[in-house]
Amino acid sequence: AFLEAARHFARFRGSTEPELAAWLRQILGGCLTHLVRRYY
């Protein structure tokens, strides 16, 4: 998630802490999907 966030930070359009936290959770969700698919 951290690597993805750093790589795609230019795509972040928010300006507040809640917006950044929500964006990071979306990235984490994508990483979770990838991880689950890798195992199953």
Full PDB file with SEQRES, HELIX, SHEET, SSBOND, CRYST1, ORIGX, SCALE, CONECT and MASTER records, all heavy atoms in Angstrom:
SEQRES   1 A   40  ALA PHE LEU GLU ALA ALA ARG HIS PHE ALA ARG PHE ARG          
SEQRES   2 A   40  GLY SER THR GLU PRO GLU LEU ALA ALA TRP LEU ARG GLN          
SEQRES   3 A   40  ILE LEU GLY GLY CYS LEU THR HIS LEU VAL ARG ARG TYR          
SEQRES   4 A   40  TYR                                                          
HELIX    1 AA1 PHE A    2  ARG A    7  1                                   6    
HELIX    2 AA2 PHE A    9  ARG A   11  5                                   3    
HELIX    3 AA3 GLU A   17  TYR A   39  1                                  23    
CRYST1    1.000    1.000    1.000  90.00  90.00  90.00 P 1           1          
ORIGX1      1.000000  0.000000  0.000000        0.00000                         
ORIGX2      0.000000  1.000000  0.000000        0.00000                         
ORIGX3      0.000000  0.000000  1.000000        0.00000                         
SCALE1      1.000000  0.000000  0.000000        0.00000                         
SCALE2      0.000000  1.000000  0.000000        0.00000                         
SCALE3      0.000000  0.000000  1.000000        0.00000                         
ATOM      1  N   ALA A   1       0.815  -1.213   0.000  1.00  0.00           N  
ATOM      2  CA  ALA A   1       0.000   0.000   0.000  1.00  0.00           C  
ATOM      3  C   ALA A   1       0.849   1.265   0.000  1.00  0.00           C  
ATOM      4  O   ALA A   1       0.527   2.242  -0.686  1.00  0.00           O  
ATOM      5  CB  ALA A   1      -0.941   0.005   1.205  1.00  0.00           C  
ATOM      6  N   PHE A   2       1.943   1.263   0.746  1.00  0.00           N  
ATOM      7  CA  PHE A   2       2.769   2.468   0.822  1.00  0.00           C  
ATOM      8  C   PHE A   2       3.489   2.724  -0.487  1.00  0.00           C  
ATOM      9  O   PHE A   2       3.595   3.858  -0.946  1.00  0.00           O  
ATOM     10  CB  PHE A   2       3.765   2.347   1.969  1.00  0.00           C  
ATOM     11  CG  PHE A   2       3.113   2.406   3.316  1.00  0.00           C  
ATOM     12  CD1 PHE A   2       2.816   1.255   4.005  1.00  0.00           C  
ATOM     13  CD2 PHE A   2       2.760   3.621   3.876  1.00  0.00           C  
ATOM     14  CE1 PHE A   2       2.199   1.300   5.237  1.00  0.00           C  
ATOM     15  CE2 PHE A   2       2.137   3.684   5.107  1.00  0.00           C  
ATOM     16  CZ  PHE A   2       1.856   2.533   5.792  1.00  0.00           C  
ATOM     17  N   LEU A   3       3.980   1.659  -1.096  1.00  0.00           N  
ATOM     18  CA  LEU A   3       4.639   1.801  -2.383  1.00  0.00           C  
ATOM     19  C   LEU A   3       3.661   2.313  -3.427  1.00  0.00           C  
ATOM     20  O   LEU A   3       3.979   3.203  -4.224  1.00  0.00           O  
ATOM     21  CB  LEU A   3       5.223   0.459  -2.820  1.00  0.00           C  
ATOM     22  CG  LEU A   3       5.965   0.438  -4.156  1.00  0.00           C  
ATOM     23  CD1 LEU A   3       7.142   1.386  -4.116  1.00  0.00           C  
ATOM     24  CD2 LEU A   3       6.427  -0.984  -4.472  1.00  0.00           C  
ATOM     25  N   GLU A   4       2.446   1.751  -3.435  1.00  0.00           N  
ATOM     26  CA  GLU A   4       1.432   2.194  -4.378  1.00  0.00           C  
ATOM     27  C   GLU A   4       1.059   3.650  -4.144  1.00  0.00           C  
ATOM     28  O   GLU A   4       0.872   4.424  -5.084  1.00  0.00           O  
ATOM     29  CB  GLU A   4       0.189   1.308  -4.258  1.00  0.00           C  
ATOM     30  CG  GLU A   4       0.365  -0.090  -4.803  1.00  0.00           C  
ATOM     31  CD  GLU A   4       0.620  -0.090  -6.304  1.00  0.00           C  
ATOM     32  OE1 GLU A   4      -0.122   0.586  -7.029  1.00  0.00           O  
ATOM     33  OE2 GLU A   4       1.577  -0.746  -6.734  1.00  0.00           O  
ATOM     34  N   ALA A   5       0.927   4.031  -2.878  1.00  0.00           N  
ATOM     35  CA  ALA A   5       0.557   5.409  -2.561  1.00  0.00           C  
ATOM     36  C   ALA A   5       1.629   6.378  -3.036  1.00  0.00           C  
ATOM     37  O   ALA A   5       1.326   7.429  -3.608  1.00  0.00           O  
ATOM     38  CB  ALA A   5       0.328   5.557  -1.059  1.00  0.00           C  
ATOM     39  N   ALA A   6       2.877   6.030  -2.809  1.00  0.00           N  
ATOM     40  CA  ALA A   6       3.964   6.900  -3.239  1.00  0.00           C  
ATOM     41  C   ALA A   6       4.013   6.989  -4.763  1.00  0.00           C  
ATOM     42  O   ALA A   6       4.211   8.070  -5.336  1.00  0.00           O  
ATOM     43  CB  ALA A   6       5.298   6.379  -2.689  1.00  0.00           C  
ATOM     44  N   ARG A   7       3.800   5.853  -5.416  1.00  0.00           N  
ATOM     45  CA  ARG A   7       3.887   5.805  -6.873  1.00  0.00           C  
ATOM     46  C   ARG A   7       2.775   6.620  -7.536  1.00  0.00           C  
ATOM     47  O   ARG A   7       2.976   7.232  -8.575  1.00  0.00           O  
ATOM     48  CB  ARG A   7       3.823   4.341  -7.331  1.00  0.00           C  
ATOM     49  CG  ARG A   7       3.977   4.150  -8.829  1.00  0.00           C  
ATOM     50  CD  ARG A   7       3.867   2.680  -9.182  1.00  0.00           C  
ATOM     51  NE  ARG A   7       4.888   1.885  -8.525  1.00  0.00           N  
ATOM     52  CZ  ARG A   7       4.660   0.730  -7.911  1.00  0.00           C  
ATOM     53  NH1 ARG A   7       3.424   0.240  -7.837  1.00  0.00           N  
ATOM     54  NH2 ARG A   7       5.646   0.059  -7.352  1.00  0.00           N  
ATOM     55  N   HIS A   8       1.587   6.620  -6.916  1.00  0.00           N  
ATOM     56  CA  HIS A   8       0.430   7.248  -7.553  1.00  0.00           C  
ATOM     57  C   HIS A   8      -0.048   8.506  -6.827  1.00  0.00           C  
ATOM     58  O   HIS A   8      -1.184   8.927  -7.020  1.00  0.00           O  
ATOM     59  CB  HIS A   8      -0.719   6.243  -7.635  1.00  0.00           C  
ATOM     60  CG  HIS A   8      -0.391   5.014  -8.418  1.00  0.00           C  
ATOM     61  ND1 HIS A   8      -0.065   5.047  -9.758  1.00  0.00           N  
ATOM     62  CD2 HIS A   8      -0.308   3.707  -8.050  1.00  0.00           C  
ATOM     63  CE1 HIS A   8       0.187   3.820 -10.179  1.00  0.00           C  
ATOM     64  NE2 HIS A   8       0.050   2.992  -9.166  1.00  0.00           N  
ATOM     65  N   PHE A   9       0.816   9.092  -6.025  1.00  0.00           N  
ATOM     66  CA  PHE A   9       0.383  10.237  -5.231  1.00  0.00           C  
ATOM     67  C   PHE A   9      -0.087  11.402  -6.096  1.00  0.00           C  
ATOM     68  O   PHE A   9      -0.957  12.172  -5.689  1.00  0.00           O  
ATOM     69  CB  PHE A   9       1.507  10.708  -4.297  1.00  0.00           C  
ATOM     70  CG  PHE A   9       1.077  11.794  -3.358  1.00  0.00           C  
ATOM     71  CD1 PHE A   9       0.237  11.496  -2.282  1.00  0.00           C  
ATOM     72  CD2 PHE A   9       1.473  13.100  -3.553  1.00  0.00           C  
ATOM     73  CE1 PHE A   9      -0.186  12.486  -1.412  1.00  0.00           C  
ATOM     74  CE2 PHE A   9       1.064  14.105  -2.691  1.00  0.00           C  
ATOM     75  CZ  PHE A   9       0.225  13.800  -1.612  1.00  0.00           C  
ATOM     76  N   ALA A  10       0.454  11.529  -7.288  1.00  0.00           N  
ATOM     77  CA  ALA A  10       0.047  12.622  -8.174  1.00  0.00           C  
ATOM     78  C   ALA A  10      -1.439  12.544  -8.516  1.00  0.00           C  
ATOM     79  O   ALA A  10      -2.046  13.548  -8.901  1.00  0.00           O  
ATOM     80  CB  ALA A  10       0.880  12.611  -9.453  1.00  0.00           C  
ATOM     81  N   ARG A  11      -2.046  11.371  -8.353  1.00  0.00           N  
ATOM     82  CA  ARG A  11      -3.467  11.206  -8.658  1.00  0.00           C  
ATOM     83  C   ARG A  11      -4.370  11.682  -7.522  1.00  0.00           C  
ATOM     84  O   ARG A  11      -5.577  11.814  -7.706  1.00  0.00           O  
ATOM     85  CB  ARG A  11      -3.778   9.739  -8.945  1.00  0.00           C  
ATOM     86  CG  ARG A  11      -3.014   9.168 -10.127  1.00  0.00           C  
ATOM     87  CD  ARG A  11      -3.356   7.700 -10.315  1.00  0.00           C  
ATOM     88  NE  ARG A  11      -2.563   7.083 -11.377  1.00  0.00           N  
ATOM     89  CZ  ARG A  11      -2.621   5.807 -11.691  1.00  0.00           C  
ATOM     90  NH1 ARG A  11      -3.440   4.991 -11.007  1.00  0.00           N  
ATOM     91  NH2 ARG A  11      -1.871   5.312 -12.661  1.00  0.00           N  
ATOM     92  N   PHE A  12      -3.788  11.892  -6.349  1.00  0.00           N  
ATOM     93  CA  PHE A  12      -4.588  12.328  -5.204  1.00  0.00           C  
ATOM     94  C   PHE A  12      -5.060  13.757  -5.428  1.00  0.00           C  
ATOM     95  O   PHE A  12      -4.271  14.648  -5.690  1.00  0.00           O  
ATOM     96  CB  PHE A  12      -3.754  12.230  -3.926  1.00  0.00           C  
ATOM     97  CG  PHE A  12      -4.451  12.770  -2.706  1.00  0.00           C  
ATOM     98  CD1 PHE A  12      -5.637  12.199  -2.265  1.00  0.00           C  
ATOM     99  CD2 PHE A  12      -3.927  13.852  -2.012  1.00  0.00           C  
ATOM    100  CE1 PHE A  12      -6.292  12.694  -1.144  1.00  0.00           C  
ATOM    101  CE2 PHE A  12      -4.559  14.349  -0.897  1.00  0.00           C  
ATOM    102  CZ  PHE A  12      -5.746  13.777  -0.455  1.00  0.00           C  
ATOM    103  N   ARG A  13      -6.371  13.964  -5.316  1.00  0.00           N  
ATOM    104  CA  ARG A  13      -6.952  15.276  -5.595  1.00  0.00           C  
ATOM    105  C   ARG A  13      -7.488  15.980  -4.344  1.00  0.00           C  
ATOM    106  O   ARG A  13      -7.992  17.074  -4.430  1.00  0.00           O  
ATOM    107  CB  ARG A  13      -8.096  15.132  -6.616  1.00  0.00           C  
ATOM    108  CG  ARG A  13      -7.627  14.679  -7.988  1.00  0.00           C  
ATOM    109  CD  ARG A  13      -6.789  15.772  -8.651  1.00  0.00           C  
ATOM    110  NE  ARG A  13      -6.300  15.363  -9.964  1.00  0.00           N  
ATOM    111  CZ  ARG A  13      -5.084  14.904 -10.186  1.00  0.00           C  
ATOM    112  NH1 ARG A  13      -4.233  14.764  -9.166  1.00  0.00           N  
ATOM    113  NH2 ARG A  13      -4.682  14.569 -11.393  1.00  0.00           N  
ATOM    114  N   GLY A  14      -7.375  15.334  -3.198  1.00  0.00           N  
ATOM    115  CA  GLY A  14      -7.886  15.940  -1.982  1.00  0.00           C  
ATOM    116  C   GLY A  14      -6.920  16.945  -1.384  1.00  0.00           C  
ATOM    117  O   GLY A  14      -5.807  17.137  -1.873  1.00  0.00           O  
ATOM    118  N   SER A  15      -7.363  17.557  -0.284  1.00  0.00           N  
ATOM    119  CA  SER A  15      -6.517  18.558   0.369  1.00  0.00           C  
ATOM    120  C   SER A  15      -6.589  18.475   1.889  1.00  0.00           C  
ATOM    121  O   SER A  15      -5.978  19.282   2.570  1.00  0.00           O  
ATOM    122  CB  SER A  15      -6.925  19.969  -0.079  1.00  0.00           C  
ATOM    123  OG  SER A  15      -8.287  20.212   0.247  1.00  0.00           O  
ATOM    124  N   THR A  16      -7.334  17.501   2.414  1.00  0.00           N  
ATOM    125  CA  THR A  16      -7.503  17.400   3.858  1.00  0.00           C  
ATOM    126  C   THR A  16      -7.068  16.036   4.359  1.00  0.00           C  
ATOM    127  O   THR A  16      -6.935  15.086   3.578  1.00  0.00           O  
ATOM    128  CB  THR A  16      -8.972  17.623   4.267  1.00  0.00           C  
ATOM    129  OG1 THR A  16      -9.762  16.530   3.762  1.00  0.00           O  
ATOM    130  CG2 THR A  16      -9.508  18.932   3.711  1.00  0.00           C  
ATOM    131  N   GLU A  17      -6.877  15.925   5.661  1.00  0.00           N  
ATOM    132  CA  GLU A  17      -6.487  14.647   6.250  1.00  0.00           C  
ATOM    133  C   GLU A  17      -7.541  13.563   6.036  1.00  0.00           C  
ATOM    134  O   GLU A  17      -7.191  12.436   5.655  1.00  0.00           O  
ATOM    135  CB  GLU A  17      -6.194  14.812   7.743  1.00  0.00           C  
ATOM    136  CG  GLU A  17      -5.756  13.521   8.402  1.00  0.00           C  
ATOM    137  CD  GLU A  17      -5.258  13.716   9.817  1.00  0.00           C  
ATOM    138  OE1 GLU A  17      -5.317  14.843  10.316  1.00  0.00           O  
ATOM    139  OE2 GLU A  17      -4.806  12.725  10.414  1.00  0.00           O  
ATOM    140  N   PRO A  18      -8.842  13.827   6.260  1.00  0.00           N  
ATOM    141  CA  PRO A  18      -9.837  12.782   5.993  1.00  0.00           C  
ATOM    142  C   PRO A  18      -9.826  12.300   4.542  1.00  0.00           C  
ATOM    143  O   PRO A  18     -10.000  11.116   4.277  1.00  0.00           O  
ATOM    144  CB  PRO A  18     -11.170  13.457   6.346  1.00  0.00           C  
ATOM    145  CG  PRO A  18     -10.810  14.502   7.341  1.00  0.00           C  
ATOM    146  CD  PRO A  18      -9.469  15.019   6.881  1.00  0.00           C  
ATOM    147  N   GLU A  19      -9.615  13.232   3.613  1.00  0.00           N  
ATOM    148  CA  GLU A  19      -9.578  12.842   2.197  1.00  0.00           C  
ATOM    149  C   GLU A  19      -8.363  11.962   1.909  1.00  0.00           C  
ATOM    150  O   GLU A  19      -8.461  10.985   1.162  1.00  0.00           O  
ATOM    151  CB  GLU A  19      -9.555  14.090   1.308  1.00  0.00           C  
ATOM    152  CG  GLU A  19     -10.874  14.844   1.290  1.00  0.00           C  
ATOM    153  CD  GLU A  19     -10.783  16.178   0.573  1.00  0.00           C  
ATOM    154  OE1 GLU A  19      -9.691  16.796   0.565  1.00  0.00           O  
ATOM    155  OE2 GLU A  19     -11.811  16.613   0.015  1.00  0.00           O  
ATOM    156  N   LEU A  20      -7.230  12.303   2.505  1.00  0.00           N  
ATOM    157  CA  LEU A  20      -6.040  11.485   2.296  1.00  0.00           C  
ATOM    158  C   LEU A  20      -6.219  10.106   2.918  1.00  0.00           C  
ATOM    159  O   LEU A  20      -5.864   9.092   2.309  1.00  0.00           O  
ATOM    160  CB  LEU A  20      -4.810  12.175   2.889  1.00  0.00           C  
ATOM    161  CG  LEU A  20      -3.497  11.402   2.750  1.00  0.00           C  
ATOM    162  CD1 LEU A  20      -3.174  11.114   1.285  1.00  0.00           C  
ATOM    163  CD2 LEU A  20      -2.355  12.169   3.411  1.00  0.00           C  
ATOM    164  N   ALA A  21      -6.779  10.056   4.123  1.00  0.00           N  
ATOM    165  CA  ALA A  21      -7.001   8.761   4.783  1.00  0.00           C  
ATOM    166  C   ALA A  21      -7.933   7.889   3.949  1.00  0.00           C  
ATOM    167  O   ALA A  21      -7.710   6.678   3.799  1.00  0.00           O  
ATOM    168  CB  ALA A  21      -7.572   8.974   6.182  1.00  0.00           C  
ATOM    169  N   ALA A  22      -8.995   8.488   3.388  1.00  0.00           N  
ATOM    170  CA  ALA A  22      -9.932   7.732   2.559  1.00  0.00           C  
ATOM    171  C   ALA A  22      -9.243   7.224   1.296  1.00  0.00           C  
ATOM    172  O   ALA A  22      -9.474   6.092   0.862  1.00  0.00           O  
ATOM    173  CB  ALA A  22     -11.131   8.612   2.196  1.00  0.00           C  
ATOM    174  N   TRP A  23      -8.403   8.046   0.701  1.00  0.00           N  
ATOM    175  CA  TRP A  23      -7.669   7.648  -0.508  1.00  0.00           C  
ATOM    176  C   TRP A  23      -6.725   6.493  -0.214  1.00  0.00           C  
ATOM    177  O   TRP A  23      -6.629   5.534  -0.986  1.00  0.00           O  
ATOM    178  CB  TRP A  23      -6.907   8.858  -1.051  1.00  0.00           C  
ATOM    179  CG  TRP A  23      -6.177   8.628  -2.334  1.00  0.00           C  
ATOM    180  CD1 TRP A  23      -6.724   8.474  -3.581  1.00  0.00           C  
ATOM    181  CD2 TRP A  23      -4.759   8.544  -2.497  1.00  0.00           C  
ATOM    182  NE1 TRP A  23      -5.725   8.299  -4.518  1.00  0.00           N  
ATOM    183  CE2 TRP A  23      -4.516   8.352  -3.880  1.00  0.00           C  
ATOM    184  CE3 TRP A  23      -3.682   8.643  -1.614  1.00  0.00           C  
ATOM    185  CZ2 TRP A  23      -3.226   8.231  -4.386  1.00  0.00           C  
ATOM    186  CZ3 TRP A  23      -2.396   8.522  -2.122  1.00  0.00           C  
ATOM    187  CH2 TRP A  23      -2.177   8.312  -3.497  1.00  0.00           C  
ATOM    188  N   LEU A  24      -6.040   6.563   0.921  1.00  0.00           N  
ATOM    189  CA  LEU A  24      -5.132   5.483   1.309  1.00  0.00           C  
ATOM    190  C   LEU A  24      -5.889   4.185   1.582  1.00  0.00           C  
ATOM    191  O   LEU A  24      -5.404   3.095   1.268  1.00  0.00           O  
ATOM    192  CB  LEU A  24      -4.321   5.896   2.535  1.00  0.00           C  
ATOM    193  CG  LEU A  24      -3.273   6.990   2.297  1.00  0.00           C  
ATOM    194  CD1 LEU A  24      -2.667   7.448   3.625  1.00  0.00           C  
ATOM    195  CD2 LEU A  24      -2.184   6.510   1.345  1.00  0.00           C  
ATOM    196  N   ARG A  25      -7.100   4.307   2.151  1.00  0.00           N  
ATOM    197  CA  ARG A  25      -7.899   3.101   2.375  1.00  0.00           C  
ATOM    198  C   ARG A  25      -8.312   2.467   1.052  1.00  0.00           C  
ATOM    199  O   ARG A  25      -8.394   1.239   0.938  1.00  0.00           O  
ATOM    200  CB  ARG A  25      -9.135   3.422   3.226  1.00  0.00           C  
ATOM    201  CG  ARG A  25      -8.817   3.679   4.691  1.00  0.00           C  
ATOM    202  CD  ARG A  25     -10.074   3.662   5.545  1.00  0.00           C  
ATOM    203  NE  ARG A  25     -11.059   4.652   5.143  1.00  0.00           N  
ATOM    204  CZ  ARG A  25     -11.083   5.902   5.599  1.00  0.00           C  
ATOM    205  NH1 ARG A  25     -10.169   6.327   6.463  1.00  0.00           N  
ATOM    206  NH2 ARG A  25     -12.020   6.733   5.201  1.00  0.00           N  
ATOM    207  N   GLN A  26      -8.581   3.285   0.036  1.00  0.00           N  
ATOM    208  CA  GLN A  26      -8.910   2.741  -1.279  1.00  0.00           C  
ATOM    209  C   GLN A  26      -7.727   1.971  -1.859  1.00  0.00           C  
ATOM    210  O   GLN A  26      -7.890   0.892  -2.444  1.00  0.00           O  
ATOM    211  CB  GLN A  26      -9.309   3.868  -2.227  1.00  0.00           C  
ATOM    212  CG  GLN A  26     -10.655   4.500  -1.912  1.00  0.00           C  
ATOM    213  CD  GLN A  26     -10.996   5.628  -2.866  1.00  0.00           C  
ATOM    214  OE1 GLN A  26     -10.158   6.103  -3.621  1.00  0.00           O  
ATOM    215  NE2 GLN A  26     -12.239   6.083  -2.816  1.00  0.00           N  
ATOM    216  N   ILE A  27      -6.531   2.529  -1.700  1.00  0.00           N  
ATOM    217  CA  ILE A  27      -5.333   1.840  -2.176  1.00  0.00           C  
ATOM    218  C   ILE A  27      -5.151   0.532  -1.419  1.00  0.00           C  
ATOM    219  O   ILE A  27      -4.839  -0.511  -2.008  1.00  0.00           O  
ATOM    220  CB  ILE A  27      -4.095   2.748  -2.012  1.00  0.00           C  
ATOM    221  CG1 ILE A  27      -4.178   3.921  -2.998  1.00  0.00           C  
ATOM    222  CG2 ILE A  27      -2.808   1.953  -2.225  1.00  0.00           C  
ATOM    223  CD1 ILE A  27      -3.039   4.902  -2.883  1.00  0.00           C  
ATOM    224  N   LEU A  28      -5.363   0.569  -0.110  1.00  0.00           N  
ATOM    225  CA  LEU A  28      -5.257  -0.649   0.684  1.00  0.00           C  
ATOM    226  C   LEU A  28      -6.262  -1.689   0.217  1.00  0.00           C  
ATOM    227  O   LEU A  28      -5.940  -2.880   0.130  1.00  0.00           O  
ATOM    228  CB  LEU A  28      -5.484  -0.312   2.160  1.00  0.00           C  
ATOM    229  CG  LEU A  28      -5.450  -1.494   3.130  1.00  0.00           C  
ATOM    230  CD1 LEU A  28      -4.088  -2.181   3.100  1.00  0.00           C  
ATOM    231  CD2 LEU A  28      -5.791  -1.033   4.544  1.00  0.00           C  
ATOM    232  N   GLY A  29      -7.488  -1.252  -0.107  1.00  0.00           N  
ATOM    233  CA  GLY A  29      -8.491  -2.175  -0.618  1.00  0.00           C  
ATOM    234  C   GLY A  29      -8.039  -2.859  -1.893  1.00  0.00           C  
ATOM    235  O   GLY A  29      -8.244  -4.065  -2.076  1.00  0.00           O  
ATOM    236  N   GLY A  30      -7.409  -2.103  -2.787  1.00  0.00           N  
ATOM    237  CA  GLY A  30      -6.891  -2.693  -4.010  1.00  0.00           C  
ATOM    238  C   GLY A  30      -5.779  -3.694  -3.746  1.00  0.00           C  
ATOM    239  O   GLY A  30      -5.716  -4.760  -4.372  1.00  0.00           O  
ATOM    240  N   CYS A  31      -4.909  -3.362  -2.794  1.00  0.00           N  
ATOM    241  CA  CYS A  31      -3.833  -4.289  -2.431  1.00  0.00           C  
ATOM    242  C   CYS A  31      -4.393  -5.558  -1.801  1.00  0.00           C  
ATOM    243  O   CYS A  31      -3.887  -6.656  -2.047  1.00  0.00           O  
ATOM    244  CB  CYS A  31      -2.867  -3.601  -1.466  1.00  0.00           C  
ATOM    245  SG  CYS A  31      -1.898  -2.271  -2.198  1.00  0.00           S  
ATOM    246  N   LEU A  32      -5.443  -5.412  -0.998  1.00  0.00           N  
ATOM    247  CA  LEU A  32      -6.071  -6.576  -0.386  1.00  0.00           C  
ATOM    248  C   LEU A  32      -6.669  -7.494  -1.447  1.00  0.00           C  
ATOM    249  O   LEU A  32      -6.550  -8.714  -1.378  1.00  0.00           O  
ATOM    250  CB  LEU A  32      -7.161  -6.133   0.594  1.00  0.00           C  
ATOM    251  CG  LEU A  32      -6.683  -5.558   1.923  1.00  0.00           C  
ATOM    252  CD1 LEU A  32      -7.836  -4.869   2.645  1.00  0.00           C  
ATOM    253  CD2 LEU A  32      -6.086  -6.650   2.797  1.00  0.00           C  
ATOM    254  N   THR A  33      -7.339  -6.900  -2.433  1.00  0.00           N  
ATOM    255  CA  THR A  33      -7.915  -7.683  -3.517  1.00  0.00           C  
ATOM    256  C   THR A  33      -6.830  -8.478  -4.233  1.00  0.00           C  
ATOM    257  O   THR A  33      -6.984  -9.675  -4.508  1.00  0.00           O  
ATOM    258  CB  THR A  33      -8.637  -6.770  -4.520  1.00  0.00           C  
ATOM    259  OG1 THR A  33      -9.699  -6.086  -3.847  1.00  0.00           O  
ATOM    260  CG2 THR A  33      -9.202  -7.565  -5.679  1.00  0.00           C  
ATOM    261  N   HIS A  34      -5.716  -7.820  -4.534  1.00  0.00           N  
ATOM    262  CA  HIS A  34      -4.603  -8.483  -5.212  1.00  0.00           C  
ATOM    263  C   HIS A  34      -4.050  -9.616  -4.357  1.00  0.00           C  
ATOM    264  O   HIS A  34      -3.752 -10.718  -4.867  1.00  0.00           O  
ATOM    265  CB  HIS A  34      -3.509  -7.461  -5.523  1.00  0.00           C  
ATOM    266  CG  HIS A  34      -2.281  -8.052  -6.132  1.00  0.00           C  
ATOM    267  ND1 HIS A  34      -2.228  -8.488  -7.435  1.00  0.00           N  
ATOM    268  CD2 HIS A  34      -1.057  -8.301  -5.608  1.00  0.00           C  
ATOM    269  CE1 HIS A  34      -1.031  -8.983  -7.693  1.00  0.00           C  
ATOM    270  NE2 HIS A  34      -0.305  -8.871  -6.601  1.00  0.00           N  
ATOM    271  N   LEU A  35      -3.907  -9.365  -3.053  1.00  0.00           N  
ATOM    272  CA  LEU A  35      -3.349 -10.373  -2.159  1.00  0.00           C  
ATOM    273  C   LEU A  35      -4.256 -11.592  -2.055  1.00  0.00           C  
ATOM    274  O   LEU A  35      -3.793 -12.739  -2.102  1.00  0.00           O  
ATOM    275  CB  LEU A  35      -3.127  -9.765  -0.773  1.00  0.00           C  
ATOM    276  CG  LEU A  35      -2.368 -10.622   0.237  1.00  0.00           C  
ATOM    277  CD1 LEU A  35      -0.947 -10.894  -0.252  1.00  0.00           C  
ATOM    278  CD2 LEU A  35      -2.342  -9.936   1.588  1.00  0.00           C  
ATOM    279  N   VAL A  36      -5.567 -11.355  -1.927  1.00  0.00           N  
ATOM    280  CA  VAL A  36      -6.509 -12.467  -1.835  1.00  0.00           C  
ATOM    281  C   VAL A  36      -6.484 -13.284  -3.121  1.00  0.00           C  
ATOM    282  O   VAL A  36      -6.483 -14.521  -3.093  1.00  0.00           O  
ATOM    283  CB  VAL A  36      -7.934 -11.951  -1.529  1.00  0.00           C  
ATOM    284  CG1 VAL A  36      -8.961 -13.064  -1.699  1.00  0.00           C  
ATOM    285  CG2 VAL A  36      -8.006 -11.386  -0.118  1.00  0.00           C  
ATOM    286  N   ARG A  37      -6.458 -12.620  -4.271  1.00  0.00           N  
ATOM    287  CA  ARG A  37      -6.422 -13.338  -5.541  1.00  0.00           C  
ATOM    288  C   ARG A  37      -5.123 -14.129  -5.696  1.00  0.00           C  
ATOM    289  O   ARG A  37      -5.100 -15.199  -6.302  1.00  0.00           O  
ATOM    290  CB  ARG A  37      -6.605 -12.370  -6.706  1.00  0.00           C  
ATOM    291  CG  ARG A  37      -8.006 -11.803  -6.784  1.00  0.00           C  
ATOM    292  CD  ARG A  37      -8.226 -11.015  -8.065  1.00  0.00           C  
ATOM    293  NE  ARG A  37      -9.569 -10.455  -8.103  1.00  0.00           N  
ATOM    294  CZ  ARG A  37     -10.652 -11.134  -8.428  1.00  0.00           C  
ATOM    295  NH1 ARG A  37     -10.556 -12.411  -8.747  1.00  0.00           N  
ATOM    296  NH2 ARG A  37     -11.833 -10.547  -8.434  1.00  0.00           N  
ATOM    297  N   ARG A  38      -4.046 -13.595  -5.160  1.00  0.00           N  
ATOM    298  CA  ARG A  38      -2.770 -14.314  -5.239  1.00  0.00           C  
ATOM    299  C   ARG A  38      -2.851 -15.639  -4.485  1.00  0.00           C  
ATOM    300  O   ARG A  38      -2.311 -16.656  -4.932  1.00  0.00           O  
ATOM    301  CB  ARG A  38      -1.651 -13.463  -4.644  1.00  0.00           C  
ATOM    302  CG  ARG A  38      -0.269 -14.117  -4.764  1.00  0.00           C  
ATOM    303  CD  ARG A  38       0.753 -13.520  -3.827  1.00  0.00           C  
ATOM    304  NE  ARG A  38       0.811 -12.075  -3.903  1.00  0.00           N  
ATOM    305  CZ  ARG A  38       1.511 -11.331  -3.039  1.00  0.00           C  
ATOM    306  NH1 ARG A  38       2.168 -11.905  -2.045  1.00  0.00           N  
ATOM    307  NH2 ARG A  38       1.526 -10.017  -3.160  1.00  0.00           N  
ATOM    308  N   TYR A  39      -3.543 -15.641  -3.349  1.00  0.00           N  
ATOM    309  CA  TYR A  39      -3.611 -16.848  -2.536  1.00  0.00           C  
ATOM    310  C   TYR A  39      -4.707 -17.807  -2.988  1.00  0.00           C  
ATOM    311  O   TYR A  39      -4.580 -19.010  -2.826  1.00  0.00           O  
ATOM    312  CB  TYR A  39      -3.802 -16.496  -1.062  1.00  0.00           C  
ATOM    313  CG  TYR A  39      -2.506 -16.128  -0.386  1.00  0.00           C  
ATOM    314  CD1 TYR A  39      -2.099 -14.811  -0.315  1.00  0.00           C  
ATOM    315  CD2 TYR A  39      -1.675 -17.112   0.149  1.00  0.00           C  
ATOM    316  CE1 TYR A  39      -0.897 -14.470   0.287  1.00  0.00           C  
ATOM    317  CE2 TYR A  39      -0.470 -16.786   0.746  1.00  0.00           C  
ATOM    318  CZ  TYR A  39      -0.083 -15.463   0.820  1.00  0.00           C  
ATOM    319  OH  TYR A  39       1.110 -15.121   1.404  1.00  0.00           O  
ATOM    320  N   TYR A  40      -5.792 -17.273  -3.549  1.00  0.00           N  
ATOM    321  CA  TYR A  40      -6.905 -18.148  -3.919  1.00  0.00           C  
ATOM    322  C   TYR A  40      -7.012 -18.381  -5.418  1.00  0.00           C  
ATOM    323  O   TYR A  40      -7.804 -19.196  -5.862  1.00  0.00           O  
ATOM    324  CB  TYR A  40      -8.225 -17.575  -3.388  1.00  0.00           C  
ATOM    325  CG  TYR A  40      -8.318 -17.674  -1.893  1.00  0.00           C  
ATOM    326  CD1 TYR A  40      -8.077 -16.563  -1.105  1.00  0.00           C  
ATOM    327  CD2 TYR A  40      -8.627 -18.877  -1.260  1.00  0.00           C  
ATOM    328  CE1 TYR A  40      -8.136 -16.645   0.283  1.00  0.00           C  
ATOM    329  CE2 TYR A  40      -8.690 -18.969   0.113  1.00  0.00           C  
ATOM    330  CZ  TYR A  40      -8.444 -17.847   0.877  1.00  0.00           C  
ATOM    331  OH  TYR A  40      -8.493 -17.925   2.244  1.00  0.00           O  
TER     332      TYR A  40                                                      
MASTER        0    0    0    3    0    0    0    6  331    1    0    4          
END                                                                             
